């Protein structure tokens, strides 16, 4: 049996990347006002942040329904594929449950992995799955391995502004104003499937120090396993500064895996965020 990977667009894997990797990315939708777009299909990451900057209200994102997964699974199974599905954390979206419902029609053929992560966390888990497929593991063995290895997956980032957390009701306007005045840079990490506050720093320099401390807390980046960097907004200047400040972590800083953040997490953190996903040593 051939193995095919399916992942949702919360992973921020672009259509051209999906084609190169030979995987299927199912787009979530994002709605600005009365207009709904398919993530990364009708609206690029750059276009999303341009709209976000000019919008008074936060856009909304929608989970994938079971029918979308069913329509994806049927031709793949008919063509002889076994399927490994990697979804956005079940604690952040109902997309995982939708995939499970659709997979129930294909016992022994479709295996669903709750990433307990998002964005580059999902991406890194997918890259690990592709490695295991190349080793000849079955779809079931890959799903079991990813369910185990995701416990060692770390995703963390520094946020440049509190404005979007305020818009989303995650913090009060007073806290956001105080943070702006004090140039507070919150650090977040995905912990047990949820986005959690991991610390606060004053200014970009201290934000870089805080992010490095969080990485060191988990033993640093395992460079023998997949890892990835992420940035949100229209450029990666802040991420590049962080990378340049940590030369001991990546001896050869060429062709590092750097990716842009899309709508699912970008809606809540806004532009100027940067971070990393990696398997702890």
C-alpha atoms as a PDB file:
ATOM      1  CA  UNK A   1       0.000   0.000   0.000  1.00  0.00           C
ATOM      2  CA  UNK A   2       1.181   3.511  -0.811  1.00  0.00           C
ATOM      3  CA  UNK A   3       1.010   6.080   1.992  1.00  0.00           C
ATOM      4  CA  UNK A   4      -0.463   9.524   1.460  1.00  0.00           C
ATOM      5  CA  UNK A   5      -0.380  12.344   4.009  1.00  0.00           C
ATOM      6  CA  UNK A   6      -3.257  14.774   4.514  1.00  0.00           C
ATOM      7  CA  UNK A   7      -2.903  17.903   6.646  1.00  0.00           C
ATOM      8  CA  UNK A   8      -5.016  21.027   7.171  1.00  0.00           C
ATOM      9  CA  UNK A   9      -3.881  24.521   6.219  1.00  0.00           C
ATOM     10  CA  UNK A  10      -3.322  25.540   9.834  1.00  0.00           C
ATOM     11  CA  UNK A  11       0.070  23.961   9.135  1.00  0.00           C
ATOM     12  CA  UNK A  12       0.768  26.957   6.838  1.00  0.00           C
ATOM     13  CA  UNK A  13       2.075  24.627   4.127  1.00  0.00           C
ATOM     14  CA  UNK A  14       1.619  26.482   0.864  1.00  0.00           C
ATOM     15  CA  UNK A  15       0.109  24.835  -2.250  1.00  0.00           C
ATOM     16  CA  UNK A  16       3.442  24.737  -4.091  1.00  0.00           C
ATOM     17  CA  UNK A  17       5.111  23.114  -1.083  1.00  0.00           C
ATOM     18  CA  UNK A  18       2.345  20.528  -0.877  1.00  0.00           C
ATOM     19  CA  UNK A  19       2.915  19.641  -4.527  1.00  0.00           C
ATOM     20  CA  UNK A  20       6.648  19.251  -3.954  1.00  0.00           C
ATOM     21  CA  UNK A  21       6.129  17.072  -0.874  1.00  0.00           C
ATOM     22  CA  UNK A  22       3.359  15.000  -2.458  1.00  0.00           C
ATOM     23  CA  UNK A  23       0.865  15.714   0.318  1.00  0.00           C
ATOM     24  CA  UNK A  24      -2.687  17.055   0.389  1.00  0.00           C
ATOM     25  CA  UNK A  25      -3.424  20.280   2.269  1.00  0.00           C
ATOM     26  CA  UNK A  26      -7.085  20.934   3.033  1.00  0.00           C
ATOM     27  CA  UNK A  27      -7.733  24.686   3.352  1.00  0.00           C
ATOM     28  CA  UNK A  28      -9.572  26.121   6.316  1.00  0.00           C
ATOM     29  CA  UNK A  29     -11.493  29.305   5.641  1.00  0.00           C
ATOM     30  CA  UNK A  30     -11.004  32.827   6.964  1.00  0.00           C
ATOM     31  CA  UNK A  31     -13.736  35.466   6.831  1.00  0.00           C
ATOM     32  CA  UNK A  32     -13.248  39.233   6.718  1.00  0.00           C
ATOM     33  CA  UNK A  33     -16.632  40.915   7.020  1.00  0.00           C
ATOM     34  CA  UNK A  34     -18.909  39.302   4.440  1.00  0.00           C
ATOM     35  CA  UNK A  35     -16.156  37.711   2.379  1.00  0.00           C
ATOM     36  CA  UNK A  36     -14.798  34.231   2.994  1.00  0.00           C
ATOM     37  CA  UNK A  37     -11.464  33.024   1.607  1.00  0.00           C
ATOM     38  CA  UNK A  38      -9.824  29.619   1.423  1.00  0.00           C
ATOM     39  CA  UNK A  39      -6.626  29.835   3.442  1.00  0.00           C
ATOM     40  CA  UNK A  40      -3.527  30.047   1.196  1.00  0.00           C
ATOM     41  CA  UNK A  41      -5.676  29.399  -1.907  1.00  0.00           C
ATOM     42  CA  UNK A  42      -7.792  32.535  -2.305  1.00  0.00           C
ATOM     43  CA  UNK A  43      -5.683  34.553   0.125  1.00  0.00           C
ATOM     44  CA  UNK A  44      -1.905  34.367   0.452  1.00  0.00           C
ATOM     45  CA  UNK A  45      -0.165  34.828   3.796  1.00  0.00           C
ATOM     46  CA  UNK A  46       0.994  38.280   2.723  1.00  0.00           C
ATOM     47  CA  UNK A  47      -2.496  39.289   1.578  1.00  0.00           C
ATOM     48  CA  UNK A  48      -3.902  38.035   4.870  1.00  0.00           C
ATOM     49  CA  UNK A  49      -1.637  40.299   6.932  1.00  0.00           C
ATOM     50  CA  UNK A  50      -2.330  43.256   4.660  1.00  0.00           C
ATOM     51  CA  UNK A  51      -6.052  42.780   5.264  1.00  0.00           C
ATOM     52  CA  UNK A  52      -5.486  42.190   8.985  1.00  0.00           C
ATOM     53  CA  UNK A  53      -3.667  45.511   9.310  1.00  0.00           C
ATOM     54  CA  UNK A  54      -6.528  47.434   7.737  1.00  0.00           C
ATOM     55  CA  UNK A  55      -9.399  45.594   9.428  1.00  0.00           C
ATOM     56  CA  UNK A  56     -11.058  47.065  12.519  1.00  0.00           C
ATOM     57  CA  UNK A  57     -12.344  43.673  13.626  1.00  0.00           C
ATOM     58  CA  UNK A  58     -10.569  40.354  13.765  1.00  0.00           C
ATOM     59  CA  UNK A  59     -11.414  37.915  10.998  1.00  0.00           C
ATOM     60  CA  UNK A  60     -12.917  34.556  11.895  1.00  0.00           C
ATOM     61  CA  UNK A  61     -11.634  31.133  10.910  1.00  0.00           C
ATOM     62  CA  UNK A  62     -13.719  27.988  10.453  1.00  0.00           C
ATOM     63  CA  UNK A  63     -12.940  24.337  11.118  1.00  0.00           C
ATOM     64  CA  UNK A  64     -13.104  21.730   8.383  1.00  0.00           C
ATOM     65  CA  UNK A  65     -16.346  19.682   8.327  1.00  0.00           C
ATOM     66  CA  UNK A  66     -16.329  15.864   7.999  1.00  0.00           C
ATOM     67  CA  UNK A  67     -17.575  16.071   4.392  1.00  0.00           C
ATOM     68  CA  UNK A  68     -14.367  17.802   3.266  1.00  0.00           C
ATOM     69  CA  UNK A  69     -12.281  14.976   4.692  1.00  0.00           C
ATOM     70  CA  UNK A  70     -14.616  12.355   3.245  1.00  0.00           C
ATOM     71  CA  UNK A  71     -14.331  13.868  -0.231  1.00  0.00           C
ATOM     72  CA  UNK A  72     -10.551  13.777   0.148  1.00  0.00           C
ATOM     73  CA  UNK A  73     -10.303  10.211   1.502  1.00  0.00           C
ATOM     74  CA  UNK A  74     -12.546   8.434  -0.991  1.00  0.00           C
ATOM     75  CA  UNK A  75     -10.444   8.815  -4.179  1.00  0.00           C
ATOM     76  CA  UNK A  76      -7.172   8.275  -2.322  1.00  0.00           C
ATOM     77  CA  UNK A  77      -8.316   4.998  -0.782  1.00  0.00           C
ATOM     78  CA  UNK A  78      -9.826   3.921  -4.098  1.00  0.00           C
ATOM     79  CA  UNK A  79      -6.431   4.546  -5.717  1.00  0.00           C
ATOM     80  CA  UNK A  80      -4.791   2.190  -3.214  1.00  0.00           C
ATOM     81  CA  UNK A  81      -3.433   4.630  -0.671  1.00  0.00           C
ATOM     82  CA  UNK A  82      -3.372   4.267   3.072  1.00  0.00           C
ATOM     83  CA  UNK A  83      -3.698   7.699   4.660  1.00  0.00           C
ATOM     84  CA  UNK A  84      -2.101   9.475   7.609  1.00  0.00           C
ATOM     85  CA  UNK A  85      -3.944  12.646   8.610  1.00  0.00           C
ATOM     86  CA  UNK A  86      -2.277  15.293  10.803  1.00  0.00           C
ATOM     87  CA  UNK A  87      -4.653  17.902  12.185  1.00  0.00           C
ATOM     88  CA  UNK A  88      -4.599  21.123  14.124  1.00  0.00           C
ATOM     89  CA  UNK A  89      -4.783  20.561  17.886  1.00  0.00           C
ATOM     90  CA  UNK A  90      -8.155  19.195  18.996  1.00  0.00           C
ATOM     91  CA  UNK A  91      -8.035  21.744  21.823  1.00  0.00           C
ATOM     92  CA  UNK A  92      -7.951  24.626  19.360  1.00  0.00           C
ATOM     93  CA  UNK A  93     -10.387  23.407  16.713  1.00  0.00           C
ATOM     94  CA  UNK A  94     -13.013  20.778  15.913  1.00  0.00           C
ATOM     95  CA  UNK A  95     -11.096  19.834  12.751  1.00  0.00           C
ATOM     96  CA  UNK A  96      -9.576  16.757  14.410  1.00  0.00           C
ATOM     97  CA  UNK A  97     -13.005  15.396  15.339  1.00  0.00           C
ATOM     98  CA  UNK A  98     -14.224  15.991  11.776  1.00  0.00           C
ATOM     99  CA  UNK A  99     -11.313  13.933  10.457  1.00  0.00           C
ATOM    100  CA  UNK A 100     -12.039  11.125  12.919  1.00  0.00           C
ATOM    101  CA  UNK A 101     -15.688  11.017  11.841  1.00  0.00           C
ATOM    102  CA  UNK A 102     -14.739  10.784   8.162  1.00  0.00           C
ATOM    103  CA  UNK A 103     -11.989   8.215   8.839  1.00  0.00           C
ATOM    104  CA  UNK A 104     -14.473   5.891  10.574  1.00  0.00           C
ATOM    105  CA  UNK A 105     -15.697   4.819   7.109  1.00  0.00           C
ATOM    106  CA  UNK A 106     -12.222   3.520   6.274  1.00  0.00           C
ATOM    107  CA  UNK A 107     -11.075   1.293   9.162  1.00  0.00           C
ATOM    108  CA  UNK A 108      -7.497   0.134   8.763  1.00  0.00           C
ATOM    109  CA  UNK A 109      -6.916   2.546   5.883  1.00  0.00           C
ATOM    110  CA  UNK A 110      -7.093   6.070   7.364  1.00  0.00           C
ATOM    111  CA  UNK A 111      -5.267   7.011  10.576  1.00  0.00           C
ATOM    112  CA  UNK A 112      -5.759  10.411  12.224  1.00  0.00           C
ATOM    113  CA  UNK A 113      -3.104  12.086  14.378  1.00  0.00           C
ATOM    114  CA  UNK A 114      -4.077  14.942  16.676  1.00  0.00           C
ATOM    115  CA  UNK A 115      -0.929  17.057  16.466  1.00  0.00           C
ATOM    116  CA  UNK A 116      -1.724  18.859  19.737  1.00  0.00           C
ATOM    117  CA  UNK A 117       0.008  21.694  17.890  1.00  0.00           C
ATOM    118  CA  UNK A 118      -0.453  24.203  15.082  1.00  0.00           C
ATOM    119  CA  UNK A 119       1.422  26.041  12.334  1.00  0.00           C
ATOM    120  CA  UNK A 120       5.081  24.984  12.166  1.00  0.00           C
ATOM    121  CA  UNK A 121       4.418  22.392  14.873  1.00  0.00           C
ATOM    122  CA  UNK A 122       2.144  20.552  12.447  1.00  0.00           C
ATOM    123  CA  UNK A 123       4.662  21.071   9.658  1.00  0.00           C
ATOM    124  CA  UNK A 124       7.516  19.546  11.656  1.00  0.00           C
ATOM    125  CA  UNK A 125       5.343  16.571  12.611  1.00  0.00           C
ATOM    126  CA  UNK A 126       4.513  16.045   8.935  1.00  0.00           C
ATOM    127  CA  UNK A 127       8.190  16.146   7.968  1.00  0.00           C
ATOM    128  CA  UNK A 128       8.883  13.507  10.596  1.00  0.00           C
ATOM    129  CA  UNK A 129       6.061  11.392   9.183  1.00  0.00           C
ATOM    130  CA  UNK A 130       7.544  11.615   5.698  1.00  0.00           C
ATOM    131  CA  UNK A 131      10.879  10.424   7.086  1.00  0.00           C
ATOM    132  CA  UNK A 132       9.191   7.409   8.664  1.00  0.00           C
ATOM    133  CA  UNK A 133       7.381   6.632   5.412  1.00  0.00           C
ATOM    134  CA  UNK A 134      10.722   6.637   3.599  1.00  0.00           C
ATOM    135  CA  UNK A 135      11.919   4.042   6.103  1.00  0.00           C
ATOM    136  CA  UNK A 136       9.110   1.745   5.058  1.00  0.00           C
ATOM    137  CA  UNK A 137       6.795   2.023   8.063  1.00  0.00           C
ATOM    138  CA  UNK A 138       3.101   1.382   7.499  1.00  0.00           C
ATOM    139  CA  UNK A 139       0.505   4.137   7.890  1.00  0.00           C
ATOM    140  CA  UNK A 140      -0.594   2.705  11.223  1.00  0.00           C
ATOM    141  CA  UNK A 141       3.007   2.492  12.469  1.00  0.00           C
ATOM    142  CA  UNK A 142       3.640   6.095  11.384  1.00  0.00           C
ATOM    143  CA  UNK A 143       0.517   7.355  13.168  1.00  0.00           C
ATOM    144  CA  UNK A 144       1.493   5.491  16.341  1.00  0.00           C
ATOM    145  CA  UNK A 145       5.038   6.871  16.189  1.00  0.00           C
ATOM    146  CA  UNK A 146       3.851  10.453  15.655  1.00  0.00           C
ATOM    147  CA  UNK A 147       1.415  10.150  18.557  1.00  0.00           C
ATOM    148  CA  UNK A 148       4.393   9.243  20.737  1.00  0.00           C
ATOM    149  CA  UNK A 149       6.959  11.665  19.330  1.00  0.00           C
ATOM    150  CA  UNK A 150       4.648  14.706  19.420  1.00  0.00           C
ATOM    151  CA  UNK A 151       5.124  14.703  23.195  1.00  0.00           C
ATOM    152  CA  UNK A 152       8.689  15.892  22.563  1.00  0.00           C
ATOM    153  CA  UNK A 153       7.679  18.538  20.035  1.00  0.00           C
ATOM    154  CA  UNK A 154       8.174  22.122  21.227  1.00  0.00           C
ATOM    155  CA  UNK A 155       6.682  25.222  19.613  1.00  0.00           C
ATOM    156  CA  UNK A 156       7.471  28.676  20.985  1.00  0.00           C
ATOM    157  CA  UNK A 157       7.435  32.264  19.789  1.00  0.00           C
ATOM    158  CA  UNK A 158       7.793  35.905  20.786  1.00  0.00           C
ATOM    159  CA  UNK A 159       4.914  38.258  19.953  1.00  0.00           C
ATOM    160  CA  UNK A 160       5.662  41.807  18.844  1.00  0.00           C
ATOM    161  CA  UNK A 161       2.347  43.399  19.807  1.00  0.00           C
ATOM    162  CA  UNK A 162      -0.482  42.761  22.260  1.00  0.00           C
ATOM    163  CA  UNK A 163      -3.010  44.501  20.018  1.00  0.00           C
ATOM    164  CA  UNK A 164      -4.425  41.356  18.437  1.00  0.00           C
ATOM    165  CA  UNK A 165      -4.702  39.488  21.716  1.00  0.00           C
ATOM    166  CA  UNK A 166      -6.709  42.498  22.908  1.00  0.00           C
ATOM    167  CA  UNK A 167      -8.949  42.442  19.824  1.00  0.00           C
ATOM    168  CA  UNK A 168      -9.567  38.759  20.348  1.00  0.00           C
ATOM    169  CA  UNK A 169     -10.565  39.293  23.967  1.00  0.00           C
ATOM    170  CA  UNK A 170      -7.594  37.314  25.304  1.00  0.00           C
ATOM    171  CA  UNK A 171      -6.354  40.293  27.363  1.00  0.00           C
ATOM    172  CA  UNK A 172      -7.933  43.550  28.529  1.00  0.00           C
ATOM    173  CA  UNK A 173      -7.443  46.912  26.819  1.00  0.00           C
ATOM    174  CA  UNK A 174      -5.689  48.203  29.954  1.00  0.00           C
ATOM    175  CA  UNK A 175      -3.173  45.344  29.924  1.00  0.00           C
ATOM    176  CA  UNK A 176      -2.574  45.850  26.204  1.00  0.00           C
ATOM    177  CA  UNK A 177      -1.979  49.585  26.682  1.00  0.00           C
ATOM    178  CA  UNK A 178       0.409  49.000  29.580  1.00  0.00           C
ATOM    179  CA  UNK A 179       2.274  46.405  27.560  1.00  0.00           C
ATOM    180  CA  UNK A 180       2.615  48.773  24.624  1.00  0.00           C
ATOM    181  CA  UNK A 181       3.929  51.590  26.798  1.00  0.00           C
ATOM    182  CA  UNK A 182       6.450  49.269  28.428  1.00  0.00           C
ATOM    183  CA  UNK A 183       7.374  47.559  25.111  1.00  0.00           C
ATOM    184  CA  UNK A 184       6.421  44.190  26.556  1.00  0.00           C
ATOM    185  CA  UNK A 185       7.149  41.226  24.265  1.00  0.00           C
ATOM    186  CA  UNK A 186       5.185  38.184  25.464  1.00  0.00           C
ATOM    187  CA  UNK A 187       6.529  34.709  24.761  1.00  0.00           C
ATOM    188  CA  UNK A 188       4.065  31.918  24.056  1.00  0.00           C
ATOM    189  CA  UNK A 189       4.369  28.187  23.619  1.00  0.00           C
ATOM    190  CA  UNK A 190       2.008  25.410  22.655  1.00  0.00           C
ATOM    191  CA  UNK A 191       1.654  23.197  25.688  1.00  0.00           C
ATOM    192  CA  UNK A 192      -0.560  20.111  25.731  1.00  0.00           C
ATOM    193  CA  UNK A 193      -2.423  21.355  22.699  1.00  0.00           C
ATOM    194  CA  UNK A 194      -3.128  24.877  23.975  1.00  0.00           C
ATOM    195  CA  UNK A 195      -1.412  28.226  23.481  1.00  0.00           C
ATOM    196  CA  UNK A 196       0.055  29.298  26.822  1.00  0.00           C
ATOM    197  CA  UNK A 197       1.940  32.367  28.026  1.00  0.00           C
ATOM    198  CA  UNK A 198       5.568  31.431  28.702  1.00  0.00           C
ATOM    199  CA  UNK A 199       6.995  34.736  29.852  1.00  0.00           C
ATOM    200  CA  UNK A 200       7.357  38.460  29.153  1.00  0.00           C
ATOM    201  CA  UNK A 201      10.320  40.557  28.115  1.00  0.00           C
ATOM    202  CA  UNK A 202      11.008  44.272  27.768  1.00  0.00           C
ATOM    203  CA  UNK A 203      11.962  45.014  24.181  1.00  0.00           C
ATOM    204  CA  UNK A 204      13.172  42.904  21.288  1.00  0.00           C
ATOM    205  CA  UNK A 205      16.619  42.179  22.703  1.00  0.00           C
ATOM    206  CA  UNK A 206      15.208  40.735  25.911  1.00  0.00           C
ATOM    207  CA  UNK A 207      12.603  38.905  23.853  1.00  0.00           C
ATOM    208  CA  UNK A 208      15.414  37.111  22.041  1.00  0.00           C
ATOM    209  CA  UNK A 209      17.019  36.241  25.365  1.00  0.00           C
ATOM    210  CA  UNK A 210      13.720  34.860  26.647  1.00  0.00           C
ATOM    211  CA  UNK A 211      13.178  32.737  23.557  1.00  0.00           C
ATOM    212  CA  UNK A 212      16.680  31.302  23.869  1.00  0.00           C
ATOM    213  CA  UNK A 213      16.040  30.502  27.531  1.00  0.00           C
ATOM    214  CA  UNK A 214      12.867  28.630  26.602  1.00  0.00           C
ATOM    215  CA  UNK A 215      14.760  26.617  24.003  1.00  0.00           C
ATOM    216  CA  UNK A 216      17.515  25.784  26.481  1.00  0.00           C
ATOM    217  CA  UNK A 217      14.873  24.688  28.976  1.00  0.00           C
ATOM    218  CA  UNK A 218      14.129  21.751  26.667  1.00  0.00           C
ATOM    219  CA  UNK A 219      17.741  20.932  25.909  1.00  0.00           C
ATOM    220  CA  UNK A 220      17.969  22.917  22.695  1.00  0.00           C
ATOM    221  CA  UNK A 221      17.158  22.006  19.112  1.00  0.00           C
ATOM    222  CA  UNK A 222      17.665  18.439  17.950  1.00  0.00           C
ATOM    223  CA  UNK A 223      19.243  19.164  14.577  1.00  0.00           C
ATOM    224  CA  UNK A 224      19.015  15.483  13.621  1.00  0.00           C
ATOM    225  CA  UNK A 225      15.215  15.757  13.508  1.00  0.00           C
ATOM    226  CA  UNK A 226      12.957  18.136  11.554  1.00  0.00           C
ATOM    227  CA  UNK A 227      12.701  21.688  12.864  1.00  0.00           C
ATOM    228  CA  UNK A 228      11.420  24.975  11.445  1.00  0.00           C
ATOM    229  CA  UNK A 229      11.351  28.724  12.039  1.00  0.00           C
ATOM    230  CA  UNK A 230       8.304  30.931  11.565  1.00  0.00           C
ATOM    231  CA  UNK A 231       7.542  34.628  11.265  1.00  0.00           C
ATOM    232  CA  UNK A 232       4.308  36.576  10.914  1.00  0.00           C
ATOM    233  CA  UNK A 233       3.673  39.679   8.855  1.00  0.00           C
ATOM    234  CA  UNK A 234       5.279  41.119   5.751  1.00  0.00           C
ATOM    235  CA  UNK A 235       8.950  40.435   6.516  1.00  0.00           C
ATOM    236  CA  UNK A 236      11.160  38.220   8.682  1.00  0.00           C
ATOM    237  CA  UNK A 237      13.542  40.913   9.990  1.00  0.00           C
ATOM    238  CA  UNK A 238      12.965  40.119  13.681  1.00  0.00           C
ATOM    239  CA  UNK A 239      13.435  36.399  13.107  1.00  0.00           C
ATOM    240  CA  UNK A 240      16.646  36.972  11.161  1.00  0.00           C
ATOM    241  CA  UNK A 241      17.991  39.066  14.053  1.00  0.00           C
ATOM    242  CA  UNK A 242      17.192  36.256  16.482  1.00  0.00           C
ATOM    243  CA  UNK A 243      18.919  33.687  14.262  1.00  0.00           C
ATOM    244  CA  UNK A 244      21.998  35.897  13.883  1.00  0.00           C
ATOM    245  CA  UNK A 245      22.209  36.315  17.672  1.00  0.00           C
ATOM    246  CA  UNK A 246      22.387  32.533  18.258  1.00  0.00           C
ATOM    247  CA  UNK A 247      25.254  31.342  16.004  1.00  0.00           C
ATOM    248  CA  UNK A 248      26.122  28.476  18.357  1.00  0.00           C
ATOM    249  CA  UNK A 249      22.752  26.795  17.766  1.00  0.00           C
ATOM    250  CA  UNK A 250      23.055  26.261  14.020  1.00  0.00           C
ATOM    251  CA  UNK A 251      26.694  26.021  12.869  1.00  0.00           C
ATOM    252  CA  UNK A 252      25.702  26.312   9.204  1.00  0.00           C
ATOM    253  CA  UNK A 253      23.062  29.028   9.002  1.00  0.00           C
ATOM    254  CA  UNK A 254      22.409  28.411   5.309  1.00  0.00           C
ATOM    255  CA  UNK A 255      19.085  27.329   3.890  1.00  0.00           C
ATOM    256  CA  UNK A 256      17.429  27.278   7.298  1.00  0.00           C
ATOM    257  CA  UNK A 257      13.767  26.171   7.152  1.00  0.00           C
ATOM    258  CA  UNK A 258      11.975  29.523   7.478  1.00  0.00           C
ATOM    259  CA  UNK A 259       8.237  29.783   6.851  1.00  0.00           C
ATOM    260  CA  UNK A 260       5.534  32.425   7.107  1.00  0.00           C
ATOM    261  CA  UNK A 261       2.564  32.241   9.442  1.00  0.00           C
ATOM    262  CA  UNK A 262      -0.933  32.094   8.000  1.00  0.00           C
ATOM    263  CA  UNK A 263      -4.386  33.038   9.187  1.00  0.00           C
ATOM    264  CA  UNK A 264      -5.137  30.415  11.853  1.00  0.00           C
ATOM    265  CA  UNK A 265      -2.592  31.566  14.421  1.00  0.00           C
ATOM    266  CA  UNK A 266      -1.752  34.865  12.704  1.00  0.00           C
ATOM    267  CA  UNK A 267      -5.230  36.178  13.515  1.00  0.00           C
ATOM    268  CA  UNK A 268      -4.395  36.092  17.215  1.00  0.00           C
ATOM    269  CA  UNK A 269      -0.721  37.068  17.317  1.00  0.00           C
ATOM    270  CA  UNK A 270      -0.648  39.653  14.532  1.00  0.00           C
ATOM    271  CA  UNK A 271       2.471  40.692  12.593  1.00  0.00           C
ATOM    272  CA  UNK A 272       5.989  40.758  13.992  1.00  0.00           C
ATOM    273  CA  UNK A 273       5.884  37.406  15.797  1.00  0.00           C
ATOM    274  CA  UNK A 274       8.724  34.926  15.322  1.00  0.00           C
ATOM    275  CA  UNK A 275       9.493  31.512  16.707  1.00  0.00           C
ATOM    276  CA  UNK A 276      10.647  27.946  16.237  1.00  0.00           C
ATOM    277  CA  UNK A 277       9.368  24.379  16.392  1.00  0.00           C
ATOM    278  CA  UNK A 278      11.696  21.497  17.182  1.00  0.00           C
ATOM    279  CA  UNK A 279      11.977  18.101  18.828  1.00  0.00           C
ATOM    280  CA  UNK A 280      13.758  18.351  22.133  1.00  0.00           C
ATOM    281  CA  UNK A 281      17.022  16.477  22.469  1.00  0.00           C
END
